[in-house]
Amino acid sequence: MSRINEFNSLDVVEKQYPLLRDFIMSYISFRELEPVQNELKGSKDFWIHTTDGHLVLAIMKWCSAFESVENKNPMAWHSLQTRLLHSLKISLKEWMDYRTQLLDFRNQYALYIGLVLIRQNIPSMDLAFQAALIYDEWMREYVQTKFLGPSLSEELVAYEIQLRKTISVLCRNN
């Protein structure tokens, strides 16, 4: 497997990896909070806006991470996209349609109006989540750097445990 030498490892360490990590943490926060937001102590509006904020931030971070590699290095983007299509078992058209949905949501809704008004237009985040984990694996194979730390899969397990403990403390039933 050849490495992509033109892919700047400093850019990955300083920009892309943190964007992916922020996406994962925001998405996991949304995923864990959304089903229980009405059961949490305190203002219902606060929890709705907090949950929505995690989703908006997740979408913005995901779009930025994937746009970054696509815009900065076409060769790296081709390699990553090939990996994504194979691993996700989707066609190029399905991938492009999905990315367009996320980009359109970010550009048309997330940056300008609240989610409460447009919940029916929110794209499913499951594919974005899987793509981020694949992106992380791909970076570790193709970018030679020792600065990435634990994989996103490892980090998300620890974060989910902490988050679930915190949510259990905040639930009204406790």
C-alpha atoms as a PDB file:
ATOM      1  CA  MET A   1       0.000   0.000   0.000  1.00  0.00           C
ATOM      2  CA  SER A   2       1.602   3.234  -1.090  1.00  0.00           C
ATOM      3  CA  ARG A   3       1.542   6.234   1.178  1.00  0.00           C
ATOM      4  CA  ILE A   4       0.285   9.572   0.007  1.00  0.00           C
ATOM      5  CA  ASN A   5       3.376  11.697   0.443  1.00  0.00           C
ATOM      6  CA  GLU A   6       1.722  14.917  -0.691  1.00  0.00           C
ATOM      7  CA  PHE A   7      -0.850  14.617   2.075  1.00  0.00           C
ATOM      8  CA  ASN A   8       0.509  16.983   4.683  1.00  0.00           C
ATOM      9  CA  SER A   9       0.626  15.133   8.004  1.00  0.00           C
ATOM     10  CA  LEU A  10       0.840  18.424   9.901  1.00  0.00           C
ATOM     11  CA  ASP A  11      -2.505  19.455   8.366  1.00  0.00           C
ATOM     12  CA  VAL A  12      -4.004  16.151   9.524  1.00  0.00           C
ATOM     13  CA  VAL A  13      -2.706  16.575  13.057  1.00  0.00           C
ATOM     14  CA  GLU A  14      -3.606  20.240  13.374  1.00  0.00           C
ATOM     15  CA  LYS A  15      -6.909  20.401  11.469  1.00  0.00           C
ATOM     16  CA  GLN A  16      -8.491  17.252  10.147  1.00  0.00           C
ATOM     17  CA  TYR A  17      -8.101  14.893  13.091  1.00  0.00           C
ATOM     18  CA  PRO A  18      -9.492  17.463  15.575  1.00  0.00           C
ATOM     19  CA  LEU A  19     -12.448  18.085  13.242  1.00  0.00           C
ATOM     20  CA  LEU A  20     -13.196  14.357  13.114  1.00  0.00           C
ATOM     21  CA  ARG A  21     -12.773  14.022  16.871  1.00  0.00           C
ATOM     22  CA  ASP A  22     -15.105  16.963  17.484  1.00  0.00           C
ATOM     23  CA  PHE A  23     -17.623  15.447  15.080  1.00  0.00           C
ATOM     24  CA  ILE A  24     -17.538  12.118  16.943  1.00  0.00           C
ATOM     25  CA  MET A  25     -17.932  13.741  20.370  1.00  0.00           C
ATOM     26  CA  SER A  26     -20.756  16.025  19.234  1.00  0.00           C
ATOM     27  CA  TYR A  27     -22.546  13.235  17.400  1.00  0.00           C
ATOM     28  CA  ILE A  28     -22.277  10.851  20.368  1.00  0.00           C
ATOM     29  CA  SER A  29     -23.540  13.629  22.658  1.00  0.00           C
ATOM     30  CA  PHE A  30     -26.519  14.193  20.348  1.00  0.00           C
ATOM     31  CA  ARG A  31     -27.195  10.474  19.993  1.00  0.00           C
ATOM     32  CA  GLU A  32     -27.168   9.909  23.767  1.00  0.00           C
ATOM     33  CA  LEU A  33     -29.040  13.088  24.762  1.00  0.00           C
ATOM     34  CA  GLU A  34     -31.782  13.141  22.119  1.00  0.00           C
ATOM     35  CA  PRO A  35     -33.794  10.119  23.346  1.00  0.00           C
ATOM     36  CA  VAL A  36     -33.739  11.306  26.990  1.00  0.00           C
ATOM     37  CA  GLN A  37     -33.856  15.095  26.620  1.00  0.00           C
ATOM     38  CA  ASN A  38     -37.387  15.246  28.095  1.00  0.00           C
ATOM     39  CA  GLU A  39     -36.296  13.226  31.134  1.00  0.00           C
ATOM     40  CA  LEU A  40     -33.356  15.443  32.094  1.00  0.00           C
ATOM     41  CA  LYS A  41     -33.486  17.751  35.096  1.00  0.00           C
ATOM     42  CA  GLY A  42     -33.899  21.439  34.432  1.00  0.00           C
ATOM     43  CA  SER A  43     -35.389  23.358  31.563  1.00  0.00           C
ATOM     44  CA  LYS A  44     -36.768  21.270  28.704  1.00  0.00           C
ATOM     45  CA  ASP A  45     -35.929  24.104  26.282  1.00  0.00           C
ATOM     46  CA  PHE A  46     -32.336  24.113  27.512  1.00  0.00           C
ATOM     47  CA  TRP A  47     -31.924  20.412  26.771  1.00  0.00           C
ATOM     48  CA  ILE A  48     -33.608  20.676  23.369  1.00  0.00           C
ATOM     49  CA  HIS A  49     -31.276  23.523  22.364  1.00  0.00           C
ATOM     50  CA  THR A  50     -28.252  21.755  23.842  1.00  0.00           C
ATOM     51  CA  THR A  51     -29.079  18.570  21.942  1.00  0.00           C
ATOM     52  CA  ASP A  52     -29.713  20.499  18.723  1.00  0.00           C
ATOM     53  CA  GLY A  53     -26.437  22.369  19.202  1.00  0.00           C
ATOM     54  CA  HIS A  54     -24.531  19.086  19.341  1.00  0.00           C
ATOM     55  CA  LEU A  55     -26.146  17.972  16.080  1.00  0.00           C
ATOM     56  CA  VAL A  56     -25.418  21.249  14.274  1.00  0.00           C
ATOM     57  CA  LEU A  57     -21.817  21.233  15.488  1.00  0.00           C
ATOM     58  CA  ALA A  58     -21.416  17.587  14.437  1.00  0.00           C
ATOM     59  CA  ILE A  59     -22.636  18.332  10.917  1.00  0.00           C
ATOM     60  CA  MET A  60     -20.427  21.404  10.570  1.00  0.00           C
ATOM     61  CA  LYS A  61     -17.317  19.536  11.804  1.00  0.00           C
ATOM     62  CA  TRP A  62     -18.001  16.524   9.563  1.00  0.00           C
ATOM     63  CA  CYS A  63     -18.450  18.705   6.480  1.00  0.00           C
ATOM     64  CA  SER A  64     -15.282  20.667   7.277  1.00  0.00           C
ATOM     65  CA  ALA A  65     -13.171  17.535   7.750  1.00  0.00           C
ATOM     66  CA  PHE A  66     -14.264  15.944   4.488  1.00  0.00           C
ATOM     67  CA  GLU A  67     -14.081  19.200   2.509  1.00  0.00           C
ATOM     68  CA  SER A  68     -10.595  19.804   3.836  1.00  0.00           C
ATOM     69  CA  VAL A  69      -9.065  16.676   2.366  1.00  0.00           C
ATOM     70  CA  GLU A  70     -11.068  16.983  -0.860  1.00  0.00           C
ATOM     71  CA  ASN A  71     -10.027  20.604  -1.407  1.00  0.00           C
ATOM     72  CA  LYS A  72      -6.395  20.327  -0.317  1.00  0.00           C
ATOM     73  CA  ASN A  73      -5.277  17.119  -1.973  1.00  0.00           C
ATOM     74  CA  PRO A  74      -7.217  15.473  -4.824  1.00  0.00           C
ATOM     75  CA  MET A  75      -4.973  12.384  -4.745  1.00  0.00           C
ATOM     76  CA  ALA A  76      -5.634  11.840  -1.047  1.00  0.00           C
ATOM     77  CA  TRP A  77      -9.335  12.498  -1.587  1.00  0.00           C
ATOM     78  CA  HIS A  78      -9.498   9.874  -4.341  1.00  0.00           C
ATOM     79  CA  SER A  79      -7.813   7.340  -2.063  1.00  0.00           C
ATOM     80  CA  LEU A  80     -10.109   8.131   0.864  1.00  0.00           C
ATOM     81  CA  GLN A  81     -13.229   8.155  -1.272  1.00  0.00           C
ATOM     82  CA  THR A  82     -12.316   4.778  -2.770  1.00  0.00           C
ATOM     83  CA  ARG A  83     -11.873   3.406   0.754  1.00  0.00           C
ATOM     84  CA  LEU A  84     -15.194   4.889   1.880  1.00  0.00           C
ATOM     85  CA  LEU A  85     -17.161   3.472  -1.044  1.00  0.00           C
ATOM     86  CA  HIS A  86     -15.683   0.025  -0.526  1.00  0.00           C
ATOM     87  CA  SER A  87     -16.086  -0.011   3.276  1.00  0.00           C
ATOM     88  CA  LEU A  88     -19.568   1.519   3.301  1.00  0.00           C
ATOM     89  CA  LYS A  89     -20.665  -0.667   0.367  1.00  0.00           C
ATOM     90  CA  ILE A  90     -22.241   2.235  -1.485  1.00  0.00           C
ATOM     91  CA  SER A  91     -21.930   3.651  -4.986  1.00  0.00           C
ATOM     92  CA  LEU A  92     -20.245   6.911  -5.867  1.00  0.00           C
ATOM     93  CA  LYS A  93     -23.677   8.390  -6.633  1.00  0.00           C
ATOM     94  CA  GLU A  94     -25.025   7.327  -3.216  1.00  0.00           C
ATOM     95  CA  TRP A  95     -21.973   8.859  -1.529  1.00  0.00           C
ATOM     96  CA  MET A  96     -22.247  12.097  -3.486  1.00  0.00           C
ATOM     97  CA  ASP A  97     -25.995  12.326  -2.789  1.00  0.00           C
ATOM     98  CA  TYR A  98     -25.389  11.791   0.927  1.00  0.00           C
ATOM     99  CA  ARG A  99     -22.580  14.360   1.100  1.00  0.00           C
ATOM    100  CA  THR A 100     -24.787  16.817  -0.765  1.00  0.00           C
ATOM    101  CA  GLN A 101     -27.565  16.276   1.802  1.00  0.00           C
ATOM    102  CA  LEU A 102     -25.185  17.059   4.665  1.00  0.00           C
ATOM    103  CA  LEU A 103     -23.613  20.035   2.910  1.00  0.00           C
ATOM    104  CA  ASP A 104     -27.028  21.422   1.946  1.00  0.00           C
ATOM    105  CA  PHE A 105     -28.290  20.983   5.482  1.00  0.00           C
ATOM    106  CA  ARG A 106     -25.250  22.781   6.840  1.00  0.00           C
ATOM    107  CA  ASN A 107     -25.448  25.563   4.289  1.00  0.00           C
ATOM    108  CA  GLN A 108     -29.217  26.055   4.263  1.00  0.00           C
ATOM    109  CA  TYR A 109     -30.311  25.308   7.820  1.00  0.00           C
ATOM    110  CA  ALA A 110     -27.587  24.750  10.389  1.00  0.00           C
ATOM    111  CA  LEU A 111     -25.845  28.063   9.821  1.00  0.00           C
ATOM    112  CA  TYR A 112     -28.953  30.221   9.706  1.00  0.00           C
ATOM    113  CA  ILE A 113     -32.006  28.875  11.531  1.00  0.00           C
ATOM    114  CA  GLY A 114     -32.756  26.698  14.538  1.00  0.00           C
ATOM    115  CA  LEU A 115     -33.295  22.975  14.224  1.00  0.00           C
ATOM    116  CA  VAL A 116     -36.590  23.010  16.092  1.00  0.00           C
ATOM    117  CA  LEU A 117     -38.256  24.357  12.954  1.00  0.00           C
ATOM    118  CA  ILE A 118     -36.789  21.899  10.464  1.00  0.00           C
ATOM    119  CA  ARG A 119     -36.339  18.554  12.198  1.00  0.00           C
ATOM    120  CA  GLN A 120     -37.844  16.697   9.228  1.00  0.00           C
ATOM    121  CA  ASN A 121     -34.936  17.820   7.007  1.00  0.00           C
ATOM    122  CA  ILE A 122     -32.118  16.441   9.155  1.00  0.00           C
ATOM    123  CA  PRO A 123     -30.136  13.777   7.283  1.00  0.00           C
ATOM    124  CA  SER A 124     -29.428  10.493   9.032  1.00  0.00           C
ATOM    125  CA  MET A 125     -26.057  10.714  10.721  1.00  0.00           C
ATOM    126  CA  ASP A 126     -25.307   6.973  10.798  1.00  0.00           C
ATOM    127  CA  LEU A 127     -23.419   7.017   7.505  1.00  0.00           C
ATOM    128  CA  ALA A 128     -21.494  10.145   8.537  1.00  0.00           C
ATOM    129  CA  PHE A 129     -20.497   8.404  11.761  1.00  0.00           C
ATOM    130  CA  GLN A 130     -19.253   5.298   9.938  1.00  0.00           C
ATOM    131  CA  ALA A 131     -17.450   7.450   7.363  1.00  0.00           C
ATOM    132  CA  ALA A 132     -15.631   9.354  10.120  1.00  0.00           C
ATOM    133  CA  LEU A 133     -14.362   6.114  11.666  1.00  0.00           C
ATOM    134  CA  ILE A 134     -13.213   4.909   8.235  1.00  0.00           C
ATOM    135  CA  TYR A 135     -11.520   8.278   7.639  1.00  0.00           C
ATOM    136  CA  ASP A 136      -9.654   7.834  10.938  1.00  0.00           C
ATOM    137  CA  GLU A 137      -8.477   4.338   9.926  1.00  0.00           C
ATOM    138  CA  TRP A 138      -7.462   5.636   6.514  1.00  0.00           C
ATOM    139  CA  MET A 139      -5.432   8.508   8.036  1.00  0.00           C
ATOM    140  CA  ARG A 140      -3.546   6.111  10.265  1.00  0.00           C
ATOM    141  CA  GLU A 141      -2.596   3.932   7.295  1.00  0.00           C
ATOM    142  CA  TYR A 142      -1.670   6.649   4.843  1.00  0.00           C
ATOM    143  CA  VAL A 143      -0.304   9.453   6.966  1.00  0.00           C
ATOM    144  CA  GLN A 144       2.894   8.798   8.834  1.00  0.00           C
ATOM    145  CA  THR A 145       2.599  10.603  12.134  1.00  0.00           C
ATOM    146  CA  LYS A 146       2.879   9.738  15.787  1.00  0.00           C
ATOM    147  CA  PHE A 147       0.692  12.623  16.932  1.00  0.00           C
ATOM    148  CA  LEU A 148      -2.745  11.171  16.340  1.00  0.00           C
ATOM    149  CA  GLY A 149      -3.071   9.376  19.672  1.00  0.00           C
ATOM    150  CA  PRO A 150      -5.774   6.786  20.279  1.00  0.00           C
ATOM    151  CA  SER A 151      -8.151   5.917  17.466  1.00  0.00           C
ATOM    152  CA  LEU A 152     -11.527   7.604  17.343  1.00  0.00           C
ATOM    153  CA  SER A 153     -13.139   4.215  18.020  1.00  0.00           C
ATOM    154  CA  GLU A 154     -11.154   3.926  21.251  1.00  0.00           C
ATOM    155  CA  GLU A 155     -11.934   7.487  22.279  1.00  0.00           C
ATOM    156  CA  LEU A 156     -15.634   7.176  21.613  1.00  0.00           C
ATOM    157  CA  VAL A 157     -15.979   4.117  23.861  1.00  0.00           C
ATOM    158  CA  ALA A 158     -14.459   6.014  26.794  1.00  0.00           C
ATOM    159  CA  TYR A 159     -16.522   9.108  26.016  1.00  0.00           C
ATOM    160  CA  GLU A 160     -19.782   7.126  25.796  1.00  0.00           C
ATOM    161  CA  ILE A 161     -19.144   5.636  29.241  1.00  0.00           C
ATOM    162  CA  GLN A 162     -18.499   9.073  30.756  1.00  0.00           C
ATOM    163  CA  LEU A 163     -21.471  10.609  28.977  1.00  0.00           C
ATOM    164  CA  ARG A 164     -23.885   7.870  30.061  1.00  0.00           C
ATOM    165  CA  LYS A 165     -22.785   8.302  33.674  1.00  0.00           C
ATOM    166  CA  THR A 166     -23.330  12.038  33.435  1.00  0.00           C
ATOM    167  CA  ILE A 167     -26.744  11.631  31.812  1.00  0.00           C
ATOM    168  CA  SER A 168     -27.833   9.160  34.486  1.00  0.00           C
ATOM    169  CA  VAL A 169     -27.060  11.777  37.147  1.00  0.00           C
ATOM    170  CA  LEU A 170     -29.085  14.372  35.227  1.00  0.00           C
ATOM    171  CA  CYS A 171     -32.171  12.192  34.710  1.00  0.00           C
ATOM    172  CA  ARG A 172     -35.243  13.083  36.764  1.00  0.00           C
ATOM    173  CA  ASN A 173     -35.680   9.462  37.851  1.00  0.00           C
ATOM    174  CA  ASN A 174     -32.538   9.664  40.025  1.00  0.00           C
END
